[in-house]
């Protein structure tokens, strides 16, 4: 493989711009650059999740997702590029359906927490939702692959289901929201 980066410290961003893969430069506060950073954060969060996951099938799914997130980053670095396809969305949906089948029906909202793996899966889910919001904001400003926000939307659902699944596999009980705590006391 050829060297992609021979020099890490380039000083080219010192004036507030970031180089894109197509050779252009954009402001560091540009919506596309913002999305790139959030996708990177999601990928790093999944790296943390993977350090706590022991189940091979969950590891395999999340590792594949990390590769897909790099493809999303490539799309964002090269406006007009489309790497995420419907087959990727279908794969996420199939995994979500498979893991959801063995779970009990939800009767109450779940608080993010439990074991470290479950807590980090919930954190990844919330980061994923932020990525989704940013992608839709970008889509209002620029053309982009319409399948990518769909993928990220399904991914947040999968992360929620995986958090539930890991909690049940580990024998941990889910932490349920108790609605009485959300009301102001009238005493």
N, C-alpha and C. Protein backbone atom coordinates (compact mmCIF):
# COMPACT_ATOMS: atom_id res chain seq x y z
N UNK A 1 0.85 -1.17 0.00
CA UNK A 1 0.00 0.00 0.00
C UNK A 1 0.89 1.24 0.00
N UNK A 2 0.53 2.21 -0.79
CA UNK A 2 1.28 3.46 -0.84
C UNK A 2 1.05 4.24 0.45
N UNK A 3 1.99 5.12 0.76
CA UNK A 3 1.83 5.98 1.93
C UNK A 3 0.75 7.01 1.65
N UNK A 4 -0.22 7.08 2.54
CA UNK A 4 -1.28 8.09 2.40
C UNK A 4 -0.84 9.40 3.02
N UNK A 5 -0.17 9.32 4.16
CA UNK A 5 0.28 10.51 4.86
C UNK A 5 1.73 10.32 5.26
N UNK A 6 2.59 11.07 4.68
CA UNK A 6 4.00 10.96 5.06
C UNK A 6 4.34 11.98 6.14
N UNK A 7 3.51 12.99 6.28
CA UNK A 7 3.75 14.03 7.25
C UNK A 7 2.43 14.35 7.94
N UNK A 8 2.42 14.27 9.26
CA UNK A 8 1.19 14.53 10.01
C UNK A 8 1.06 16.01 10.34
N UNK A 9 2.11 16.61 10.83
CA UNK A 9 2.09 18.05 11.13
C UNK A 9 2.42 18.80 9.85
N UNK A 10 1.40 19.47 9.30
CA UNK A 10 1.59 20.18 8.02
C UNK A 10 1.48 21.69 8.17
N UNK A 11 0.85 22.15 9.23
CA UNK A 11 0.61 23.57 9.48
C UNK A 11 -0.36 24.21 8.47
N UNK A 12 -0.91 23.41 7.57
CA UNK A 12 -1.80 23.98 6.55
C UNK A 12 -3.15 24.39 7.12
N UNK A 13 -3.50 23.90 8.30
CA UNK A 13 -4.77 24.26 8.90
C UNK A 13 -4.68 25.42 9.88
N UNK A 14 -3.50 25.97 10.02
CA UNK A 14 -3.30 27.05 11.01
C UNK A 14 -4.10 28.31 10.70
N UNK A 15 -4.53 28.46 9.49
CA UNK A 15 -5.31 29.66 9.12
C UNK A 15 -6.81 29.39 9.11
N UNK A 16 -7.21 28.24 9.67
CA UNK A 16 -8.64 27.98 9.82
C UNK A 16 -9.29 27.25 8.68
N UNK A 17 -8.49 26.59 7.83
CA UNK A 17 -9.08 25.81 6.75
C UNK A 17 -8.58 24.37 6.84
N UNK A 18 -9.35 23.49 6.21
CA UNK A 18 -9.03 22.07 6.16
C UNK A 18 -9.00 21.63 4.71
N UNK A 19 -8.01 20.82 4.36
CA UNK A 19 -7.91 20.29 3.01
C UNK A 19 -8.85 19.12 2.80
N UNK A 20 -9.54 19.15 1.68
CA UNK A 20 -10.46 18.07 1.33
C UNK A 20 -9.75 17.12 0.36
N UNK A 21 -10.27 15.92 0.20
CA UNK A 21 -9.65 14.93 -0.67
C UNK A 21 -9.67 15.35 -2.13
N UNK A 22 -10.60 16.25 -2.51
CA UNK A 22 -10.65 16.71 -3.89
C UNK A 22 -9.68 17.87 -4.16
N UNK A 23 -8.88 18.22 -3.14
CA UNK A 23 -7.90 19.28 -3.31
C UNK A 23 -8.37 20.66 -2.86
N UNK A 24 -9.66 20.81 -2.63
CA UNK A 24 -10.18 22.11 -2.19
C UNK A 24 -9.88 22.30 -0.71
N UNK A 25 -10.05 23.52 -0.26
CA UNK A 25 -9.91 23.83 1.17
C UNK A 25 -11.22 24.44 1.63
N UNK A 26 -11.61 24.09 2.83
CA UNK A 26 -12.84 24.61 3.41
C UNK A 26 -12.55 25.11 4.82
N UNK A 27 -13.38 26.07 5.25
CA UNK A 27 -13.27 26.60 6.59
C UNK A 27 -13.49 25.47 7.60
N UNK A 28 -12.78 25.52 8.70
CA UNK A 28 -12.94 24.49 9.73
C UNK A 28 -14.34 24.51 10.34
N UNK A 29 -15.09 25.61 10.17
CA UNK A 29 -16.46 25.63 10.67
C UNK A 29 -17.49 25.39 9.56
N UNK A 30 -17.05 24.93 8.40
CA UNK A 30 -17.92 24.57 7.29
C UNK A 30 -18.79 23.37 7.69
N UNK A 31 -20.03 23.33 7.22
CA UNK A 31 -20.96 22.25 7.57
C UNK A 31 -20.42 20.88 7.18
N UNK A 32 -19.77 20.78 6.04
CA UNK A 32 -19.23 19.49 5.59
C UNK A 32 -18.09 19.05 6.50
N UNK A 33 -17.22 19.99 6.87
CA UNK A 33 -16.10 19.68 7.76
C UNK A 33 -16.64 19.29 9.14
N UNK A 34 -17.70 19.98 9.56
CA UNK A 34 -18.34 19.66 10.84
C UNK A 34 -18.84 18.21 10.82
N UNK A 35 -19.50 17.81 9.74
CA UNK A 35 -19.99 16.43 9.61
C UNK A 35 -18.84 15.44 9.65
N UNK A 36 -17.76 15.77 8.97
CA UNK A 36 -16.58 14.90 8.98
C UNK A 36 -16.11 14.64 10.40
N UNK A 37 -16.02 15.71 11.19
CA UNK A 37 -15.58 15.57 12.57
C UNK A 37 -16.52 14.72 13.40
N UNK A 38 -17.81 14.88 13.17
CA UNK A 38 -18.78 14.11 13.94
C UNK A 38 -18.78 12.63 13.54
N UNK A 39 -18.58 12.36 12.26
CA UNK A 39 -18.47 10.96 11.83
C UNK A 39 -17.22 10.33 12.44
N UNK A 40 -16.13 11.10 12.49
CA UNK A 40 -14.90 10.62 13.12
C UNK A 40 -15.13 10.35 14.60
N UNK A 41 -15.86 11.25 15.28
CA UNK A 41 -16.16 11.05 16.70
C UNK A 41 -16.99 9.79 16.90
N UNK A 42 -17.97 9.56 16.05
CA UNK A 42 -18.78 8.35 16.15
C UNK A 42 -17.91 7.11 15.97
N UNK A 43 -17.02 7.15 14.99
CA UNK A 43 -16.15 6.01 14.75
C UNK A 43 -15.24 5.75 15.95
N UNK A 44 -14.71 6.82 16.55
CA UNK A 44 -13.86 6.67 17.74
C UNK A 44 -14.67 6.12 18.91
N UNK A 45 -15.92 6.56 19.04
CA UNK A 45 -16.78 6.06 20.11
C UNK A 45 -17.03 4.57 19.92
N UNK A 46 -17.22 4.14 18.67
CA UNK A 46 -17.39 2.70 18.41
C UNK A 46 -16.12 1.94 18.74
N UNK A 47 -14.96 2.57 18.55
CA UNK A 47 -13.70 1.94 18.96
C UNK A 47 -13.68 1.67 20.46
N UNK A 48 -14.18 2.63 21.24
CA UNK A 48 -14.28 2.44 22.69
C UNK A 48 -15.27 1.31 22.99
N UNK A 49 -16.42 1.33 22.33
CA UNK A 49 -17.42 0.27 22.52
C UNK A 49 -16.78 -1.09 22.27
N UNK A 50 -16.05 -1.21 21.17
CA UNK A 50 -15.44 -2.50 20.82
C UNK A 50 -14.45 -2.99 21.87
N UNK A 51 -13.85 -2.09 22.63
CA UNK A 51 -12.90 -2.51 23.66
C UNK A 51 -13.62 -3.19 24.84
N UNK A 52 -14.95 -3.06 24.91
CA UNK A 52 -15.71 -3.67 26.00
C UNK A 52 -16.61 -4.82 25.53
N UNK A 53 -16.74 -5.02 24.24
CA UNK A 53 -17.63 -6.05 23.70
C UNK A 53 -16.87 -7.36 23.56
N UNK A 54 -17.48 -8.44 24.05
CA UNK A 54 -16.85 -9.75 23.95
C UNK A 54 -17.52 -10.66 22.93
N UNK A 55 -18.77 -10.37 22.58
CA UNK A 55 -19.52 -11.22 21.67
C UNK A 55 -19.06 -11.02 20.24
N UNK A 56 -18.62 -12.10 19.60
CA UNK A 56 -17.99 -12.03 18.28
C UNK A 56 -18.90 -11.43 17.21
N UNK A 57 -20.17 -11.78 17.21
CA UNK A 57 -21.07 -11.27 16.17
C UNK A 57 -21.26 -9.76 16.30
N UNK A 58 -21.38 -9.26 17.53
CA UNK A 58 -21.51 -7.81 17.74
C UNK A 58 -20.22 -7.12 17.32
N UNK A 59 -19.07 -7.70 17.67
CA UNK A 59 -17.79 -7.13 17.26
C UNK A 59 -17.71 -7.02 15.74
N UNK A 60 -18.10 -8.08 15.05
CA UNK A 60 -18.04 -8.12 13.59
C UNK A 60 -18.93 -7.03 12.98
N UNK A 61 -20.12 -6.87 13.50
CA UNK A 61 -21.04 -5.84 12.99
C UNK A 61 -20.45 -4.46 13.19
N UNK A 62 -19.96 -4.19 14.40
CA UNK A 62 -19.43 -2.86 14.69
C UNK A 62 -18.16 -2.57 13.91
N UNK A 63 -17.35 -3.58 13.69
CA UNK A 63 -16.13 -3.41 12.89
C UNK A 63 -16.51 -3.05 11.45
N UNK A 64 -17.53 -3.72 10.91
CA UNK A 64 -18.01 -3.41 9.56
C UNK A 64 -18.56 -1.98 9.51
N UNK A 65 -19.29 -1.59 10.55
CA UNK A 65 -19.81 -0.22 10.62
C UNK A 65 -18.67 0.79 10.62
N UNK A 66 -17.60 0.50 11.35
CA UNK A 66 -16.46 1.42 11.36
C UNK A 66 -15.92 1.63 9.95
N UNK A 67 -15.85 0.58 9.17
CA UNK A 67 -15.40 0.71 7.78
C UNK A 67 -16.40 1.55 6.97
N UNK A 68 -17.68 1.32 7.19
CA UNK A 68 -18.70 2.13 6.50
C UNK A 68 -18.57 3.60 6.87
N UNK A 69 -18.27 3.88 8.14
CA UNK A 69 -18.11 5.27 8.56
C UNK A 69 -16.90 5.92 7.88
N UNK A 70 -15.85 5.15 7.63
CA UNK A 70 -14.73 5.69 6.86
C UNK A 70 -15.17 6.00 5.43
N UNK A 71 -16.04 5.16 4.88
CA UNK A 71 -16.58 5.44 3.54
C UNK A 71 -17.43 6.71 3.55
N UNK A 72 -18.20 6.92 4.62
CA UNK A 72 -18.98 8.15 4.73
C UNK A 72 -18.04 9.34 4.81
N UNK A 73 -16.95 9.20 5.55
CA UNK A 73 -15.95 10.25 5.59
C UNK A 73 -15.37 10.55 4.22
N UNK A 74 -15.14 9.50 3.44
CA UNK A 74 -14.63 9.68 2.08
C UNK A 74 -15.65 10.42 1.21
N UNK A 75 -16.94 10.10 1.40
CA UNK A 75 -17.98 10.84 0.67
C UNK A 75 -17.95 12.32 1.05
N UNK A 76 -17.82 12.59 2.33
CA UNK A 76 -17.83 13.97 2.78
C UNK A 76 -16.60 14.74 2.32
N UNK A 77 -15.47 14.06 2.19
CA UNK A 77 -14.23 14.70 1.73
C UNK A 77 -14.22 14.94 0.23
N UNK A 78 -15.09 14.26 -0.47
CA UNK A 78 -15.12 14.36 -1.93
C UNK A 78 -16.56 14.59 -2.38
N UNK A 79 -17.02 15.83 -2.30
CA UNK A 79 -18.42 16.09 -2.70
C UNK A 79 -18.75 15.45 -4.05
N UNK A 80 -19.90 14.80 -4.09
CA UNK A 80 -20.33 14.11 -5.30
C UNK A 80 -20.04 12.63 -5.29
N UNK A 81 -19.20 12.18 -4.38
CA UNK A 81 -18.85 10.75 -4.29
C UNK A 81 -19.95 10.03 -3.51
N UNK A 82 -20.34 8.83 -3.98
CA UNK A 82 -21.35 8.01 -3.30
C UNK A 82 -20.81 6.61 -3.10
N UNK A 83 -20.50 6.28 -1.86
CA UNK A 83 -19.99 4.95 -1.53
C UNK A 83 -21.02 4.12 -0.77
N UNK A 84 -21.83 4.78 0.04
CA UNK A 84 -22.85 4.07 0.81
C UNK A 84 -24.04 3.83 -0.11
N UNK A 85 -24.45 2.57 -0.18
CA UNK A 85 -25.53 2.17 -1.08
C UNK A 85 -26.67 1.54 -0.26
N UNK A 86 -27.77 1.29 -0.92
CA UNK A 86 -28.93 0.68 -0.26
C UNK A 86 -28.57 -0.65 0.40
N UNK A 87 -27.65 -1.39 -0.17
CA UNK A 87 -27.25 -2.68 0.40
C UNK A 87 -26.66 -2.48 1.81
N UNK A 88 -26.01 -1.35 2.04
CA UNK A 88 -25.47 -1.06 3.37
C UNK A 88 -26.61 -0.81 4.37
N UNK A 89 -27.62 -0.07 3.93
CA UNK A 89 -28.79 0.20 4.78
C UNK A 89 -29.50 -1.12 5.06
N UNK A 90 -29.66 -1.95 4.04
CA UNK A 90 -30.32 -3.25 4.21
C UNK A 90 -29.56 -4.12 5.20
N UNK A 91 -28.23 -4.07 5.17
CA UNK A 91 -27.42 -4.85 6.11
C UNK A 91 -27.63 -4.42 7.55
N UNK A 92 -27.70 -3.10 7.76
CA UNK A 92 -27.95 -2.57 9.10
C UNK A 92 -29.34 -3.01 9.58
N UNK A 93 -30.33 -2.89 8.70
CA UNK A 93 -31.70 -3.30 9.05
C UNK A 93 -31.76 -4.79 9.39
N UNK A 94 -31.08 -5.62 8.61
CA UNK A 94 -31.09 -7.06 8.85
C UNK A 94 -30.46 -7.39 10.21
N UNK A 95 -29.36 -6.73 10.53
CA UNK A 95 -28.73 -6.96 11.84
C UNK A 95 -29.64 -6.51 12.97
N UNK A 96 -30.27 -5.35 12.80
CA UNK A 96 -31.19 -4.84 13.83
C UNK A 96 -32.35 -5.80 14.03
N UNK A 97 -32.92 -6.28 12.94
CA UNK A 97 -34.05 -7.22 13.03
C UNK A 97 -33.63 -8.50 13.73
N UNK A 98 -32.48 -9.02 13.36
CA UNK A 98 -31.98 -10.26 13.95
C UNK A 98 -31.80 -10.13 15.46
N UNK A 99 -31.16 -9.07 15.91
CA UNK A 99 -30.91 -8.91 17.34
C UNK A 99 -32.17 -8.54 18.10
N UNK A 100 -33.09 -7.85 17.45
CA UNK A 100 -34.32 -7.43 18.13
C UNK A 100 -35.28 -8.59 18.38
N UNK A 101 -35.21 -9.62 17.52
CA UNK A 101 -36.15 -10.75 17.63
C UNK A 101 -36.11 -11.43 18.99
N UNK A 102 -34.95 -11.51 19.61
CA UNK A 102 -34.83 -12.23 20.88
C UNK A 102 -35.07 -11.34 22.10
N UNK A 103 -35.35 -10.07 21.88
CA UNK A 103 -35.52 -9.15 23.01
C UNK A 103 -36.98 -9.06 23.43
N UNK A 104 -37.21 -8.87 24.72
CA UNK A 104 -38.59 -8.66 25.16
C UNK A 104 -39.10 -7.32 24.65
N UNK A 105 -40.42 -7.21 24.53
CA UNK A 105 -41.02 -5.95 24.08
C UNK A 105 -40.70 -4.84 25.08
N UNK A 106 -40.55 -3.66 24.55
CA UNK A 106 -40.30 -2.50 25.41
C UNK A 106 -41.61 -2.05 26.04
N UNK A 107 -41.60 -1.93 27.35
CA UNK A 107 -42.79 -1.46 28.05
C UNK A 107 -42.55 -0.11 28.72
N UNK A 108 -41.31 0.32 28.70
CA UNK A 108 -40.94 1.59 29.32
C UNK A 108 -39.68 2.10 28.64
N UNK A 109 -39.41 3.38 28.76
CA UNK A 109 -38.18 3.94 28.22
C UNK A 109 -36.99 3.42 29.02
N UNK A 110 -35.86 3.29 28.35
CA UNK A 110 -34.65 2.78 28.99
C UNK A 110 -33.69 3.93 29.23
N UNK A 111 -33.17 4.00 30.44
CA UNK A 111 -32.14 5.00 30.73
C UNK A 111 -30.80 4.48 30.21
N UNK A 112 -29.97 5.34 29.64
CA UNK A 112 -28.66 4.89 29.18
C UNK A 112 -27.80 4.51 30.39
N UNK A 113 -27.35 3.30 30.42
CA UNK A 113 -26.52 2.86 31.53
C UNK A 113 -26.45 1.36 31.57
N UNK A 114 -26.01 0.84 32.69
CA UNK A 114 -25.80 -0.58 32.84
C UNK A 114 -24.31 -0.86 32.86
N UNK A 115 -23.88 -1.89 32.17
CA UNK A 115 -22.45 -2.20 32.11
C UNK A 115 -21.73 -1.15 31.25
N UNK A 116 -20.41 -1.19 31.29
CA UNK A 116 -19.65 -0.24 30.47
C UNK A 116 -19.97 -0.41 28.99
N UNK A 117 -20.07 -1.65 28.53
CA UNK A 117 -20.38 -1.89 27.12
C UNK A 117 -21.73 -1.30 26.75
N UNK A 118 -22.72 -1.52 27.59
CA UNK A 118 -24.07 -1.02 27.31
C UNK A 118 -24.08 0.51 27.36
N UNK A 119 -23.44 1.08 28.37
CA UNK A 119 -23.40 2.54 28.49
C UNK A 119 -22.72 3.17 27.28
N UNK A 120 -21.64 2.58 26.84
CA UNK A 120 -20.94 3.13 25.67
C UNK A 120 -21.73 2.92 24.37
N UNK A 121 -22.48 1.83 24.28
CA UNK A 121 -23.37 1.67 23.12
C UNK A 121 -24.42 2.77 23.09
N UNK A 122 -24.96 3.11 24.26
CA UNK A 122 -25.93 4.21 24.31
C UNK A 122 -25.26 5.54 23.97
N UNK A 123 -24.03 5.74 24.43
CA UNK A 123 -23.32 6.96 24.07
C UNK A 123 -23.11 7.02 22.55
N UNK A 124 -22.70 5.91 21.96
CA UNK A 124 -22.52 5.86 20.50
C UNK A 124 -23.83 6.16 19.78
N UNK A 125 -24.95 5.67 20.33
CA UNK A 125 -26.26 5.95 19.73
C UNK A 125 -26.54 7.45 19.73
N UNK A 126 -26.24 8.13 20.82
CA UNK A 126 -26.52 9.57 20.87
C UNK A 126 -25.60 10.36 19.96
N UNK A 127 -24.35 9.94 19.86
CA UNK A 127 -23.43 10.58 18.91
C UNK A 127 -23.93 10.35 17.49
N UNK A 128 -24.42 9.15 17.23
CA UNK A 128 -24.95 8.82 15.90
C UNK A 128 -26.15 9.70 15.56
N UNK A 129 -27.01 9.96 16.52
CA UNK A 129 -28.16 10.85 16.27
C UNK A 129 -27.69 12.26 15.93
N UNK A 130 -26.61 12.71 16.58
CA UNK A 130 -26.07 14.04 16.27
C UNK A 130 -25.50 14.06 14.86
N UNK A 131 -24.82 12.99 14.48
CA UNK A 131 -24.30 12.89 13.11
C UNK A 131 -25.46 12.99 12.12
N UNK A 132 -26.53 12.28 12.42
CA UNK A 132 -27.70 12.30 11.54
C UNK A 132 -28.24 13.72 11.38
N UNK A 133 -28.39 14.44 12.49
CA UNK A 133 -28.89 15.82 12.41
C UNK A 133 -27.96 16.70 11.58
N UNK A 134 -26.67 16.52 11.75
CA UNK A 134 -25.70 17.32 10.99
C UNK A 134 -25.75 16.98 9.50
N UNK A 135 -25.92 15.71 9.19
CA UNK A 135 -26.00 15.33 7.77
C UNK A 135 -27.23 15.94 7.11
N UNK A 136 -28.35 15.95 7.83
CA UNK A 136 -29.55 16.57 7.26
C UNK A 136 -29.38 18.08 7.11
N UNK A 137 -28.67 18.70 8.03
CA UNK A 137 -28.39 20.14 7.90
C UNK A 137 -27.51 20.38 6.68
N UNK A 138 -26.52 19.53 6.46
CA UNK A 138 -25.65 19.64 5.29
C UNK A 138 -26.45 19.43 4.01
N UNK A 139 -27.35 18.46 4.05
CA UNK A 139 -28.17 18.14 2.87
C UNK A 139 -29.01 19.34 2.43
N UNK A 140 -29.38 20.21 3.38
CA UNK A 140 -30.14 21.42 3.04
C UNK A 140 -29.26 22.45 2.32
N UNK A 141 -27.94 22.34 2.50
CA UNK A 141 -27.00 23.31 1.92
C UNK A 141 -26.34 22.82 0.63
N UNK A 142 -26.11 21.52 0.54
CA UNK A 142 -25.35 20.95 -0.57
C UNK A 142 -25.92 19.60 -0.99
N UNK A 143 -25.60 19.23 -2.20
CA UNK A 143 -25.96 17.89 -2.67
C UNK A 143 -25.09 16.87 -1.94
N UNK A 144 -25.70 15.75 -1.63
CA UNK A 144 -24.96 14.65 -1.02
C UNK A 144 -25.68 13.34 -1.30
N UNK A 145 -25.01 12.26 -1.07
CA UNK A 145 -25.58 10.94 -1.26
C UNK A 145 -26.83 10.82 -0.38
N UNK A 146 -28.02 10.64 -0.97
CA UNK A 146 -29.24 10.58 -0.16
C UNK A 146 -29.34 9.32 0.70
N UNK A 147 -28.55 8.31 0.41
CA UNK A 147 -28.61 7.06 1.17
C UNK A 147 -27.84 7.19 2.50
N UNK A 148 -26.85 8.07 2.53
CA UNK A 148 -26.01 8.18 3.72
C UNK A 148 -26.80 8.56 4.97
N UNK A 149 -27.67 9.58 4.95
CA UNK A 149 -28.45 9.86 6.16
C UNK A 149 -29.38 8.70 6.54
N UNK A 150 -29.88 7.95 5.57
CA UNK A 150 -30.70 6.78 5.87
C UNK A 150 -29.88 5.74 6.63
N UNK A 151 -28.65 5.52 6.17
CA UNK A 151 -27.76 4.56 6.83
C UNK A 151 -27.55 4.98 8.28
N UNK A 152 -27.25 6.25 8.50
CA UNK A 152 -26.96 6.73 9.85
C UNK A 152 -28.21 6.64 10.73
N UNK A 153 -29.39 6.90 10.16
CA UNK A 153 -30.63 6.76 10.91
C UNK A 153 -30.83 5.31 11.36
N UNK A 154 -30.63 4.37 10.48
CA UNK A 154 -30.78 2.95 10.82
C UNK A 154 -29.70 2.52 11.82
N UNK A 155 -28.52 3.11 11.68
CA UNK A 155 -27.42 2.75 12.58
C UNK A 155 -27.77 3.12 14.02
N UNK A 156 -28.38 4.27 14.24
CA UNK A 156 -28.73 4.63 15.61
C UNK A 156 -29.74 3.64 16.19
N UNK A 157 -30.67 3.17 15.36
CA UNK A 157 -31.61 2.13 15.81
C UNK A 157 -30.87 0.84 16.17
N UNK A 158 -29.93 0.45 15.32
CA UNK A 158 -29.14 -0.76 15.58
C UNK A 158 -28.36 -0.62 16.89
N UNK A 159 -27.76 0.53 17.12
CA UNK A 159 -26.98 0.72 18.35
C UNK A 159 -27.87 0.60 19.59
N UNK A 160 -29.10 1.11 19.51
CA UNK A 160 -30.04 0.97 20.62
C UNK A 160 -30.36 -0.51 20.85
N UNK A 161 -30.64 -1.23 19.78
CA UNK A 161 -30.97 -2.65 19.88
C UNK A 161 -29.78 -3.44 20.40
N UNK A 162 -28.58 -3.11 19.93
CA UNK A 162 -27.38 -3.82 20.42
C UNK A 162 -27.16 -3.54 21.91
N UNK A 163 -27.43 -2.31 22.36
CA UNK A 163 -27.30 -2.01 23.79
C UNK A 163 -28.25 -2.90 24.59
N UNK A 164 -29.48 -3.03 24.11
CA UNK A 164 -30.44 -3.90 24.80
C UNK A 164 -29.98 -5.35 24.75
N UNK A 165 -29.51 -5.79 23.60
CA UNK A 165 -29.09 -7.17 23.43
C UNK A 165 -27.89 -7.51 24.34
N UNK A 166 -26.90 -6.63 24.36
CA UNK A 166 -25.73 -6.87 25.20
C UNK A 166 -26.14 -6.90 26.67
N UNK A 167 -27.04 -6.01 27.08
CA UNK A 167 -27.52 -6.02 28.46
C UNK A 167 -28.16 -7.36 28.80
N UNK A 168 -28.97 -7.88 27.89
CA UNK A 168 -29.64 -9.15 28.15
C UNK A 168 -28.67 -10.32 28.10
N UNK A 169 -27.70 -10.30 27.17
CA UNK A 169 -26.71 -11.37 27.08
C UNK A 169 -25.84 -11.43 28.32
N UNK A 170 -25.51 -10.25 28.86
CA UNK A 170 -24.65 -10.19 30.04
C UNK A 170 -25.41 -10.44 31.33
N UNK A 171 -26.72 -10.62 31.22
CA UNK A 171 -27.53 -10.85 32.41
C UNK A 171 -27.80 -9.58 33.20
N UNK A 172 -27.43 -8.44 32.63
CA UNK A 172 -27.70 -7.17 33.29
C UNK A 172 -29.15 -6.78 33.02
N UNK A 173 -29.75 -6.20 34.01
CA UNK A 173 -31.10 -5.71 33.75
C UNK A 173 -31.00 -4.31 33.16
N UNK A 174 -31.93 -4.00 32.30
CA UNK A 174 -31.97 -2.66 31.73
C UNK A 174 -32.47 -1.69 32.81
N UNK A 175 -32.01 -0.47 32.71
CA UNK A 175 -32.41 0.55 33.67
C UNK A 175 -33.59 1.29 33.06
N UNK A 176 -34.76 1.14 33.66
CA UNK A 176 -35.96 1.74 33.12
C UNK A 176 -36.25 3.10 33.75
N UNK A 177 -36.77 3.99 32.94
CA UNK A 177 -37.20 5.31 33.41
C UNK A 177 -38.45 5.11 34.25
N UNK A 178 -38.47 5.77 35.37
CA UNK A 178 -39.65 5.73 36.23
C UNK A 178 -40.31 7.10 36.14
N UNK A 179 -41.46 7.13 35.55
CA UNK A 179 -42.10 8.40 35.21
C UNK A 179 -42.38 9.29 36.42
N UNK A 180 -42.50 8.71 37.58
CA UNK A 180 -42.78 9.55 38.74
C UNK A 180 -41.63 10.50 39.03
N UNK A 181 -40.41 10.16 38.62
CA UNK A 181 -39.25 11.03 38.84
C UNK A 181 -39.22 12.20 37.87
N UNK A 182 -39.98 12.12 36.82
CA UNK A 182 -39.95 13.19 35.84
C UNK A 182 -40.98 14.28 36.15
N UNK A 183 -41.80 14.08 37.16
CA UNK A 183 -42.84 15.05 37.51
C UNK A 183 -42.37 15.91 38.66
N UNK A 184 -42.79 17.15 38.64
CA UNK A 184 -42.49 18.03 39.76
C UNK A 184 -43.36 17.65 40.94
N UNK A 185 -42.80 17.74 42.11
CA UNK A 185 -43.55 17.42 43.32
C UNK A 185 -44.61 18.50 43.54
N UNK A 186 -45.80 18.07 43.88
CA UNK A 186 -46.90 19.01 44.13
C UNK A 186 -47.17 19.14 45.62
N UNK A 187 -46.28 18.55 46.44
CA UNK A 187 -46.49 18.64 47.89
C UNK A 187 -46.19 20.01 48.41
